[in-house]
N, C-alpha and C. Protein backbone atom coordinates (compact mmCIF):
# COMPACT_ATOMS: atom_id res chain seq x y z
N MET A 1 30.30 19.18 14.59
CA MET A 1 30.83 20.08 15.54
C MET A 1 30.18 19.90 16.81
N ASN A 2 30.77 19.56 17.88
CA ASN A 2 30.17 19.63 19.21
C ASN A 2 30.22 21.01 19.70
N PRO A 3 28.98 21.50 20.28
CA PRO A 3 29.02 22.68 20.91
C PRO A 3 29.91 22.89 22.15
N ALA A 4 30.65 23.82 22.28
CA ALA A 4 31.64 24.05 23.30
C ALA A 4 30.69 24.43 24.52
N PRO A 5 31.06 23.76 25.65
CA PRO A 5 30.45 24.00 26.94
C PRO A 5 30.56 25.60 27.22
N HIS A 6 29.65 26.04 28.07
CA HIS A 6 29.71 27.48 28.38
C HIS A 6 30.62 27.63 29.64
N THR A 7 31.91 27.49 29.42
CA THR A 7 32.74 27.52 30.67
C THR A 7 33.93 28.36 30.34
N ALA A 8 34.63 28.73 31.39
CA ALA A 8 35.90 29.52 31.24
C ALA A 8 36.86 28.61 30.52
N ALA A 9 36.83 27.28 30.76
CA ALA A 9 37.71 26.36 30.22
C ALA A 9 37.65 26.28 28.65
N ALA A 10 36.39 26.33 28.19
CA ALA A 10 36.14 26.45 26.73
C ALA A 10 36.81 27.70 26.13
N ASN A 11 36.62 28.86 26.88
CA ASN A 11 37.23 30.08 26.48
C ASN A 11 38.81 30.00 26.40
N LEU A 12 39.42 29.28 27.36
CA LEU A 12 40.74 29.16 27.40
C LEU A 12 41.24 28.22 26.37
N ARG A 13 40.43 27.15 26.04
CA ARG A 13 40.81 26.22 24.83
C ARG A 13 40.85 26.88 23.59
N LEU A 14 39.87 27.76 23.28
CA LEU A 14 39.81 28.59 22.01
C LEU A 14 41.02 29.43 22.05
N ALA A 15 41.34 30.13 23.06
CA ALA A 15 42.48 31.03 23.09
C ALA A 15 43.82 30.39 22.92
N ASP A 16 43.77 29.03 23.44
CA ASP A 16 45.12 28.25 23.21
C ASP A 16 45.28 27.80 21.79
N LEU A 17 43.99 27.43 21.21
CA LEU A 17 44.01 26.96 19.74
C LEU A 17 44.52 28.21 18.95
N LEU A 18 43.96 29.29 19.23
CA LEU A 18 44.32 30.50 18.42
C LEU A 18 45.71 30.94 18.51
N ALA A 19 46.32 30.70 19.77
CA ALA A 19 47.81 30.98 19.96
C ALA A 19 48.62 30.03 19.23
N ARG A 20 48.19 28.69 19.20
CA ARG A 20 48.88 27.66 18.33
C ARG A 20 48.81 27.96 17.00
N THR A 21 47.64 28.35 16.43
CA THR A 21 47.44 28.71 15.17
C THR A 21 48.27 29.96 14.73
N ALA A 22 48.50 30.84 15.56
CA ALA A 22 49.48 31.98 15.30
C ALA A 22 50.93 31.43 15.05
N GLN A 23 51.28 30.22 15.63
CA GLN A 23 52.55 29.61 15.37
C GLN A 23 52.42 28.70 14.15
N LYS A 24 51.39 28.72 13.39
CA LYS A 24 51.13 27.90 12.17
C LYS A 24 50.87 26.60 12.39
N ASP A 25 50.34 26.20 13.55
CA ASP A 25 50.13 24.81 13.92
C ASP A 25 48.82 24.38 13.11
N ARG A 26 48.90 23.49 12.16
CA ARG A 26 47.69 23.15 11.33
C ARG A 26 46.58 22.39 12.13
N ALA A 27 47.09 21.44 12.95
CA ALA A 27 46.19 20.71 13.71
C ALA A 27 45.38 21.64 14.72
N ALA A 28 46.03 22.63 15.27
CA ALA A 28 45.22 23.53 16.15
C ALA A 28 44.32 24.31 15.28
N PHE A 29 44.64 24.75 14.19
CA PHE A 29 43.76 25.50 13.21
C PHE A 29 42.61 24.63 12.85
N ARG A 30 42.81 23.29 12.50
CA ARG A 30 41.73 22.41 12.14
C ARG A 30 40.80 22.30 13.36
N ALA A 31 41.33 22.10 14.59
CA ALA A 31 40.51 22.00 15.78
C ALA A 31 39.68 23.39 15.98
N LEU A 32 40.24 24.50 15.81
CA LEU A 32 39.62 25.72 16.02
C LEU A 32 38.42 25.94 15.04
N TYR A 33 38.74 25.48 13.72
CA TYR A 33 37.72 25.37 12.74
C TYR A 33 36.47 24.57 13.20
N GLN A 34 36.82 23.43 13.67
CA GLN A 34 35.84 22.44 14.03
C GLN A 34 34.88 22.87 15.13
N GLU A 35 35.55 23.69 16.08
CA GLU A 35 34.90 24.15 17.20
C GLU A 35 34.05 25.50 17.08
N THR A 36 34.54 26.29 16.09
CA THR A 36 33.84 27.56 15.92
C THR A 36 33.11 27.79 14.55
N SER A 37 33.36 26.82 13.66
CA SER A 37 32.87 27.19 12.28
C SER A 37 31.27 27.26 12.24
N SER A 38 30.54 26.48 12.96
CA SER A 38 29.10 26.48 12.92
C SER A 38 28.57 27.89 13.51
N ARG A 39 29.26 28.43 14.55
CA ARG A 39 28.89 29.58 15.10
C ARG A 39 29.06 30.80 14.12
N LEU A 40 30.32 30.82 13.57
CA LEU A 40 30.58 31.85 12.60
C LEU A 40 29.78 31.79 11.40
N PHE A 41 29.41 30.62 10.91
CA PHE A 41 28.60 30.47 9.73
C PHE A 41 27.32 30.98 10.04
N GLY A 42 26.69 30.81 11.21
CA GLY A 42 25.46 31.25 11.63
C GLY A 42 25.52 32.81 11.66
N VAL A 43 26.58 33.50 12.12
CA VAL A 43 26.69 34.85 11.95
C VAL A 43 26.55 35.56 10.59
N LEU A 44 27.26 34.73 9.62
CA LEU A 44 27.34 35.07 8.28
C LEU A 44 26.00 34.90 7.59
N ILE A 45 25.19 33.91 7.93
CA ILE A 45 23.92 33.65 7.44
C ILE A 45 22.90 34.76 7.93
N ARG A 46 23.08 35.24 9.05
CA ARG A 46 22.20 36.35 9.67
C ARG A 46 22.54 37.60 8.85
N ILE A 47 23.70 37.71 8.49
CA ILE A 47 24.10 39.01 7.77
C ILE A 47 23.78 38.96 6.30
N LEU A 48 24.12 37.92 5.60
CA LEU A 48 24.00 37.64 4.08
C LEU A 48 22.65 37.08 3.60
N HIS A 49 22.01 36.31 4.47
CA HIS A 49 20.64 35.66 4.12
C HIS A 49 20.92 34.81 2.91
N ASP A 50 22.14 34.23 2.67
CA ASP A 50 22.43 33.29 1.72
C ASP A 50 23.45 32.20 2.06
N ARG A 51 23.09 30.92 2.26
CA ARG A 51 23.96 30.01 2.68
C ARG A 51 25.23 29.62 1.79
N ASP A 52 25.04 29.78 0.51
CA ASP A 52 26.20 29.49 -0.43
C ASP A 52 27.24 30.69 -0.18
N GLU A 53 26.76 31.80 -0.14
CA GLU A 53 27.65 32.99 -0.07
C GLU A 53 28.36 32.96 1.30
N ALA A 54 27.61 32.66 2.31
CA ALA A 54 27.98 32.61 3.67
C ALA A 54 29.07 31.53 3.69
N ALA A 55 28.97 30.41 3.02
CA ALA A 55 29.98 29.42 3.05
C ALA A 55 31.27 29.87 2.42
N ASP A 56 31.14 30.67 1.29
CA ASP A 56 32.35 31.21 0.60
C ASP A 56 33.11 32.20 1.60
N ILE A 57 32.30 33.00 2.18
CA ILE A 57 32.83 34.17 2.99
C ILE A 57 33.47 33.38 4.35
N LEU A 58 32.88 32.35 4.70
CA LEU A 58 33.42 31.75 5.90
C LEU A 58 34.84 31.29 5.65
N GLN A 59 34.97 30.68 4.45
CA GLN A 59 36.41 30.35 4.06
C GLN A 59 37.42 31.55 4.06
N GLU A 60 36.97 32.57 3.49
CA GLU A 60 37.74 33.83 3.65
C GLU A 60 38.06 34.22 4.92
N VAL A 61 37.00 34.12 5.86
CA VAL A 61 37.20 34.39 7.41
C VAL A 61 38.36 33.56 7.93
N TYR A 62 38.27 32.34 7.78
CA TYR A 62 39.30 31.48 8.28
C TYR A 62 40.79 31.67 7.65
N ILE A 63 40.83 32.01 6.50
CA ILE A 63 42.09 32.60 5.92
C ILE A 63 42.62 33.88 6.64
N THR A 64 41.77 34.76 6.86
CA THR A 64 42.08 35.97 7.71
C THR A 64 42.51 35.51 9.09
N ILE A 65 41.84 34.68 9.67
CA ILE A 65 42.11 34.20 10.98
C ILE A 65 43.44 33.50 11.02
N TRP A 66 43.83 32.73 10.10
CA TRP A 66 45.03 32.03 9.96
C TRP A 66 46.23 33.18 9.83
N ARG A 67 45.96 34.10 8.99
CA ARG A 67 46.87 35.16 8.89
C ARG A 67 47.05 36.15 9.98
N ARG A 68 45.92 36.48 10.60
CA ARG A 68 46.00 37.44 11.77
C ARG A 68 45.99 36.92 13.09
N ALA A 69 46.15 35.61 13.30
CA ALA A 69 45.99 34.97 14.59
C ALA A 69 47.15 35.48 15.53
N ILE A 70 48.26 35.99 15.02
CA ILE A 70 49.28 36.48 15.79
C ILE A 70 48.91 37.71 16.42
N SER A 71 47.90 38.46 15.92
CA SER A 71 47.60 39.84 16.59
C SER A 71 46.54 39.55 17.66
N PHE A 72 46.01 38.29 17.93
CA PHE A 72 44.98 38.08 18.91
C PHE A 72 45.72 38.13 20.27
N ASP A 73 45.10 39.11 21.17
CA ASP A 73 45.64 39.23 22.68
C ASP A 73 44.54 38.77 23.49
N ARG A 74 44.87 37.56 24.26
CA ARG A 74 43.77 37.02 25.06
C ARG A 74 43.56 37.95 26.32
N ASP A 75 44.42 38.89 26.60
CA ASP A 75 44.24 39.77 27.68
C ASP A 75 43.16 40.97 27.31
N LYS A 76 42.91 41.08 25.91
CA LYS A 76 42.06 42.16 25.62
C LYS A 76 40.68 41.65 25.27
N GLY A 77 40.44 40.28 25.30
CA GLY A 77 39.05 39.73 24.87
C GLY A 77 38.96 38.28 24.71
N LYS A 78 37.92 37.73 24.43
CA LYS A 78 37.89 36.26 24.11
C LYS A 78 38.12 35.98 22.82
N ALA A 79 38.54 34.84 22.56
CA ALA A 79 39.01 34.36 21.18
C ALA A 79 37.71 34.23 20.23
N LEU A 80 36.60 33.84 20.68
CA LEU A 80 35.50 33.67 19.99
C LEU A 80 34.86 35.15 19.47
N THR A 81 34.98 36.10 20.48
CA THR A 81 34.64 37.56 20.19
C THR A 81 35.52 38.09 19.05
N TRP A 82 36.75 37.92 19.20
CA TRP A 82 37.70 38.33 18.18
C TRP A 82 37.46 37.85 16.79
N MET A 83 37.20 36.45 16.67
CA MET A 83 36.83 35.90 15.50
C MET A 83 35.51 36.25 14.98
N ALA A 84 34.57 36.56 15.94
CA ALA A 84 33.18 36.96 15.44
C ALA A 84 33.14 38.34 14.82
N VAL A 85 34.10 39.25 15.38
CA VAL A 85 34.24 40.58 14.83
C VAL A 85 34.79 40.46 13.40
N ILE A 86 35.83 39.52 13.24
CA ILE A 86 36.42 39.44 11.90
C ILE A 86 35.23 38.96 10.89
N THR A 87 34.48 37.94 11.38
CA THR A 87 33.40 37.39 10.65
C THR A 87 32.44 38.29 10.29
N ARG A 88 31.92 39.21 11.23
CA ARG A 88 30.92 40.25 10.89
C ARG A 88 31.40 41.17 9.95
N ASN A 89 32.62 41.67 10.03
CA ASN A 89 33.22 42.58 9.20
C ASN A 89 33.33 42.11 7.72
N ALA A 90 33.65 40.71 7.53
CA ALA A 90 33.54 40.16 6.30
C ALA A 90 32.37 40.08 5.81
N GLY A 91 31.37 39.80 6.50
CA GLY A 91 29.93 39.69 5.93
C GLY A 91 29.47 41.04 5.48
N ILE A 92 29.78 42.13 6.30
CA ILE A 92 29.43 43.37 5.94
C ILE A 92 30.05 43.77 4.61
N ASP A 93 31.36 43.57 4.51
CA ASP A 93 32.13 43.83 3.35
C ASP A 93 31.40 43.10 2.17
N ALA A 94 31.20 41.90 2.24
CA ALA A 94 30.51 41.15 1.16
C ALA A 94 29.15 41.82 0.76
N LEU A 95 28.35 42.32 1.79
CA LEU A 95 27.12 42.99 1.51
C LEU A 95 27.44 44.21 0.69
N ARG A 96 28.39 44.94 1.06
CA ARG A 96 28.73 46.26 0.39
C ARG A 96 29.14 46.01 -1.05
N ARG A 97 29.91 45.01 -1.37
CA ARG A 97 30.38 44.51 -2.73
C ARG A 97 29.19 44.27 -3.66
N HIS A 98 27.97 43.85 -3.03
CA HIS A 98 26.89 43.68 -3.89
C HIS A 98 25.86 44.82 -4.11
N LYS A 99 26.10 45.83 -3.34
CA LYS A 99 25.32 47.08 -3.50
C LYS A 99 25.88 47.86 -4.81
N PRO A 100 24.98 48.02 -5.77
CA PRO A 100 25.43 48.91 -6.86
C PRO A 100 25.54 50.33 -6.46
N ASN A 101 26.43 51.08 -7.06
CA ASN A 101 26.60 52.37 -6.85
C ASN A 101 26.15 53.10 -8.08
N HIS A 102 24.88 53.66 -7.96
CA HIS A 102 24.36 54.40 -9.11
C HIS A 102 24.27 55.79 -8.85
N VAL A 103 25.30 56.55 -8.48
CA VAL A 103 25.44 57.95 -8.34
C VAL A 103 26.05 58.49 -9.43
N SER A 104 25.35 59.46 -10.06
CA SER A 104 25.80 60.17 -11.28
C SER A 104 26.67 61.33 -10.82
N ASP A 105 27.45 61.72 -11.81
CA ASP A 105 28.35 62.98 -11.52
C ASP A 105 27.56 64.20 -11.24
N GLU A 106 26.38 64.36 -11.85
CA GLU A 106 25.49 65.51 -11.62
C GLU A 106 24.89 65.63 -10.21
N CYS A 107 24.65 64.29 -9.83
CA CYS A 107 24.17 64.26 -8.28
C CYS A 107 25.19 64.72 -7.39
N CYS A 108 26.42 64.15 -7.60
CA CYS A 108 27.50 64.46 -6.73
C CYS A 108 27.79 66.00 -6.68
N ALA A 109 27.67 66.73 -7.75
CA ALA A 109 27.87 68.22 -7.76
C ALA A 109 26.82 68.87 -6.84
N GLU A 110 25.75 68.36 -6.71
CA GLU A 110 24.59 69.01 -5.98
C GLU A 110 24.80 68.69 -4.41
N LEU A 111 25.68 67.65 -3.95
CA LEU A 111 25.69 67.33 -2.59
C LEU A 111 26.14 68.45 -1.81
N VAL A 112 25.50 68.67 -0.55
CA VAL A 112 26.00 69.54 0.38
C VAL A 112 26.97 68.91 1.32
N ASP A 113 28.07 69.59 1.74
CA ASP A 113 28.92 68.97 2.71
C ASP A 113 28.23 68.96 4.16
N GLY A 114 28.11 67.67 4.48
CA GLY A 114 27.46 67.56 5.67
C GLY A 114 28.33 67.27 6.92
N ALA A 115 29.61 67.67 6.77
CA ALA A 115 30.70 67.27 7.64
C ALA A 115 30.38 68.16 8.93
N PRO A 116 30.53 67.41 10.14
CA PRO A 116 30.27 68.23 11.39
C PRO A 116 31.28 69.30 11.64
N SER A 117 30.87 70.38 12.32
CA SER A 117 31.72 71.41 12.58
C SER A 117 32.84 70.99 13.62
N ALA A 118 33.88 71.77 13.79
CA ALA A 118 34.95 71.54 14.72
C ALA A 118 34.35 71.43 16.15
N PHE A 119 33.52 72.35 16.49
CA PHE A 119 32.72 72.30 17.75
C PHE A 119 32.08 71.08 17.98
N ASP A 120 31.21 70.62 16.99
CA ASP A 120 30.57 69.24 17.05
C ASP A 120 31.45 68.13 17.28
N VAL A 121 32.48 68.13 16.64
CA VAL A 121 33.56 67.07 16.71
C VAL A 121 34.15 66.96 18.13
N VAL A 122 34.56 68.04 18.70
CA VAL A 122 35.12 68.20 20.08
C VAL A 122 33.95 67.68 21.23
N LYS A 123 32.79 68.34 20.88
CA LYS A 123 31.59 67.99 21.82
C LYS A 123 31.52 66.44 21.79
N SER A 124 31.44 65.91 20.58
CA SER A 124 31.15 64.35 20.50
C SER A 124 32.40 63.53 21.11
N LYS A 125 33.56 63.94 20.93
CA LYS A 125 34.69 63.26 21.46
C LYS A 125 34.75 63.43 23.00
N ASN A 126 34.40 64.52 23.52
CA ASN A 126 34.31 64.75 24.88
C ASN A 126 33.07 63.88 25.48
N ALA A 127 32.00 63.86 24.90
CA ALA A 127 30.81 63.08 25.36
C ALA A 127 31.31 61.51 25.46
N ALA A 128 31.98 61.20 24.30
CA ALA A 128 32.44 59.72 24.13
C ALA A 128 33.50 59.47 25.21
N HIS A 129 34.30 60.37 25.60
CA HIS A 129 35.20 60.12 26.72
C HIS A 129 34.61 59.92 27.93
N ALA A 130 33.67 60.86 28.28
CA ALA A 130 32.80 60.66 29.45
C ALA A 130 32.01 59.48 29.64
N VAL A 131 31.35 59.00 28.54
CA VAL A 131 30.64 57.82 28.62
C VAL A 131 31.67 56.55 28.77
N SER A 132 32.81 56.58 28.08
CA SER A 132 33.82 55.64 28.29
C SER A 132 34.30 55.47 29.69
N GLN A 133 34.52 56.67 30.41
CA GLN A 133 34.91 56.59 31.63
C GLN A 133 33.87 55.85 32.58
N HIS A 134 32.50 56.24 32.36
CA HIS A 134 31.53 55.53 33.18
C HIS A 134 31.45 54.17 32.74
N LEU A 135 31.77 53.77 31.58
CA LEU A 135 31.50 52.44 31.23
C LEU A 135 32.62 51.58 31.99
N GLU A 136 33.78 52.06 32.20
CA GLU A 136 34.79 51.53 32.97
C GLU A 136 34.17 51.03 34.40
N ASN A 137 33.14 51.84 34.92
CA ASN A 137 32.67 51.42 36.27
C ASN A 137 31.71 50.24 36.27
N LEU A 138 31.31 49.83 35.11
CA LEU A 138 30.40 48.63 34.95
C LEU A 138 31.23 47.37 35.18
N SER A 139 30.59 46.33 35.59
CA SER A 139 31.08 44.91 35.67
C SER A 139 31.67 44.62 34.14
N PRO A 140 32.70 43.81 33.97
CA PRO A 140 33.25 43.50 32.78
C PRO A 140 32.22 42.89 31.94
N LYS A 141 31.29 42.01 32.47
CA LYS A 141 30.26 41.42 31.44
C LYS A 141 29.35 42.29 30.99
N MET A 142 28.84 43.33 31.80
CA MET A 142 27.90 44.27 31.34
C MET A 142 28.61 45.17 30.27
N ARG A 143 29.90 45.60 30.53
CA ARG A 143 30.59 46.47 29.67
C ARG A 143 30.81 45.71 28.27
N GLU A 144 31.08 44.50 28.37
CA GLU A 144 31.30 43.65 27.00
C GLU A 144 29.93 43.47 26.31
N ALA A 145 28.87 43.18 27.02
CA ALA A 145 27.50 43.08 26.34
C ALA A 145 27.22 44.33 25.63
N ILE A 146 27.30 45.49 26.42
CA ILE A 146 26.94 46.72 25.88
C ILE A 146 27.85 47.13 24.62
N ARG A 147 29.06 46.76 24.77
CA ARG A 147 30.07 47.06 23.68
C ARG A 147 29.60 46.30 22.47
N LEU A 148 29.45 45.04 22.62
CA LEU A 148 29.03 44.23 21.50
C LEU A 148 27.71 44.65 20.85
N TYR A 149 26.69 44.94 21.62
CA TYR A 149 25.41 45.20 21.17
C TYR A 149 25.31 46.62 20.56
N TYR A 150 25.86 47.65 21.13
CA TYR A 150 25.81 49.00 20.66
C TYR A 150 26.94 49.40 19.82
N LEU A 151 28.15 49.09 20.08
CA LEU A 151 29.37 49.54 19.25
C LEU A 151 29.69 48.61 18.14
N GLU A 152 29.54 47.31 18.32
CA GLU A 152 29.69 46.41 17.34
C GLU A 152 28.42 46.09 16.48
N GLU A 153 27.36 46.54 16.95
CA GLU A 153 26.08 46.48 16.36
C GLU A 153 25.66 44.98 16.05
N LEU A 154 25.83 44.07 16.95
CA LEU A 154 25.42 42.80 16.83
C LEU A 154 24.06 42.50 17.40
N ALA A 155 23.31 41.57 16.82
CA ALA A 155 22.06 41.35 17.42
C ALA A 155 22.17 40.64 18.73
N MET A 156 21.16 40.93 19.56
CA MET A 156 21.10 40.40 21.06
C MET A 156 21.53 38.89 20.96
N ALA A 157 20.91 38.14 20.15
CA ALA A 157 21.24 36.66 20.07
C ALA A 157 22.58 36.41 19.78
N GLU A 158 23.27 37.23 18.89
CA GLU A 158 24.67 37.05 18.64
C GLU A 158 25.56 37.39 19.82
N VAL A 159 25.21 38.38 20.58
CA VAL A 159 25.87 38.84 21.79
C VAL A 159 25.83 37.63 22.80
N ALA A 160 24.67 37.09 23.00
CA ALA A 160 24.45 35.94 23.81
C ALA A 160 25.32 34.61 23.33
N ALA A 161 25.34 34.45 22.15
CA ALA A 161 26.08 33.32 21.65
C ALA A 161 27.61 33.56 21.86
N ILE A 162 28.19 34.92 21.66
CA ILE A 162 29.49 35.12 21.80
C ILE A 162 29.90 35.12 23.26
N MET A 163 29.08 35.53 24.02
CA MET A 163 29.29 35.65 25.51
C MET A 163 29.10 34.29 26.23
N GLN A 164 28.42 33.43 25.42
CA GLN A 164 28.19 32.06 25.93
C GLN A 164 27.21 32.12 27.28
N THR A 165 26.17 32.99 27.01
CA THR A 165 25.19 33.12 28.18
C THR A 165 23.80 33.02 27.62
N PRO A 166 22.81 32.71 28.47
CA PRO A 166 21.44 32.75 28.01
C PRO A 166 21.15 34.09 27.65
N LEU A 167 20.14 34.16 26.53
CA LEU A 167 19.66 35.30 26.00
C LEU A 167 19.04 36.32 27.08
N ASN A 168 18.37 35.83 27.93
CA ASN A 168 17.71 36.67 29.01
C ASN A 168 18.75 37.31 29.95
N THR A 169 19.81 36.53 30.33
CA THR A 169 20.92 37.07 31.03
C THR A 169 21.56 38.25 30.26
N THR A 170 21.86 38.02 28.98
CA THR A 170 22.43 38.96 28.24
C THR A 170 21.61 40.30 28.14
N LYS A 171 20.32 40.09 27.99
CA LYS A 171 19.42 41.31 27.97
C LYS A 171 19.51 42.01 29.39
N SER A 172 19.54 41.23 30.44
CA SER A 172 19.49 41.69 31.81
C SER A 172 20.79 42.54 31.95
N TRP A 173 22.03 42.01 31.63
CA TRP A 173 23.25 42.86 31.61
C TRP A 173 23.26 44.16 30.98
N ILE A 174 22.65 44.10 29.77
CA ILE A 174 22.67 45.25 28.99
C ILE A 174 21.62 46.30 29.61
N ARG A 175 20.45 45.81 30.04
CA ARG A 175 19.53 46.75 30.79
C ARG A 175 20.02 47.26 31.94
N ARG A 176 20.54 46.40 32.83
CA ARG A 176 21.13 46.97 34.10
C ARG A 176 22.31 47.97 33.78
N GLY A 177 23.16 47.52 32.89
CA GLY A 177 24.35 48.44 32.55
C GLY A 177 23.89 49.84 32.03
N LEU A 178 22.93 49.82 31.32
CA LEU A 178 22.32 51.10 30.76
C LEU A 178 21.67 51.95 31.84
N GLN A 179 21.09 51.22 32.82
CA GLN A 179 20.53 51.98 33.92
C GLN A 179 21.55 52.54 34.77
N GLN A 180 22.65 51.76 34.98
CA GLN A 180 23.82 52.31 35.77
C GLN A 180 24.37 53.47 35.05
N LEU A 181 24.62 53.41 33.79
CA LEU A 181 25.19 54.51 32.96
C LEU A 181 24.33 55.69 33.06
N GLN A 182 23.06 55.54 32.92
CA GLN A 182 22.05 56.58 33.00
C GLN A 182 22.26 57.33 34.37
N SER A 183 22.14 56.41 35.39
CA SER A 183 22.25 57.00 36.84
C SER A 183 23.59 57.70 37.02
N SER A 184 24.71 57.19 36.58
CA SER A 184 26.04 57.81 36.69
C SER A 184 26.07 59.13 35.83
N LEU A 185 25.34 59.20 34.73
CA LEU A 185 25.44 60.46 34.04
C LEU A 185 24.32 61.41 34.27
N SER A 186 23.57 61.01 35.17
CA SER A 186 22.38 62.01 35.40
C SER A 186 22.88 63.17 36.17
N GLY A 187 22.39 64.38 35.81
CA GLY A 187 22.80 65.50 36.47
C GLY A 187 23.76 66.27 35.59
N GLN A 188 24.34 65.55 34.60
CA GLN A 188 25.43 66.29 33.71
C GLN A 188 24.63 66.86 32.55
N GLN A 189 24.93 67.97 32.07
CA GLN A 189 24.36 68.71 31.04
C GLN A 189 25.16 68.43 29.84
N LEU A 190 24.65 68.74 28.75
CA LEU A 190 25.36 68.60 27.42
C LEU A 190 26.57 69.31 27.41
N LEU A 191 26.50 70.54 28.12
CA LEU A 191 27.68 71.53 28.12
C LEU A 191 28.76 71.10 29.00
N ASP A 192 28.51 70.12 29.88
CA ASP A 192 29.52 69.50 30.74
C ASP A 192 30.53 68.81 29.90
N PHE A 193 30.15 68.38 28.76
CA PHE A 193 31.12 67.56 27.88
C PHE A 193 32.09 68.56 26.87
N VAL A 194 31.71 69.84 26.87
CA VAL A 194 32.64 70.72 26.20
C VAL A 194 33.40 71.74 27.03
């Protein structure tokens, strides 16, 4: 696989290949696989720490991409980001399948309901809404980097790879974005969100 250049043209090419894949164009799907498989394989290896399992899950990922390509909306994000989220979720699902569940019935009977109160739920939603509004004031690149790093919980190197930017640039976007968020949220008390 030839690494895709870090350009808007490369992003457009992947989006076009994904759109053609949605129309069940096998040649486009083959090209999409050739251009993205090594990156997505790298994401799976970082999650699973097992090359053989990562290779198996990668095949499942591309089956999912083939089936769900119609749902990709280029206006909502980059094709590689969309595929990386599918890959990450498949890797996490594979990890969960391997974790044994050794919880006995006696243990479950002793569990205390830790569900948040209605007040906590409303407060949390209001805080999330306020932060979301302030996120909209950031540049699109800062907003995307923060979303991938904090909400999608990707590693900094993964965010840089998905955004096709140097690692230090990605770190800088996140740091400056957080500083802007902190500045715009300063002066607001916790009770401002309820």
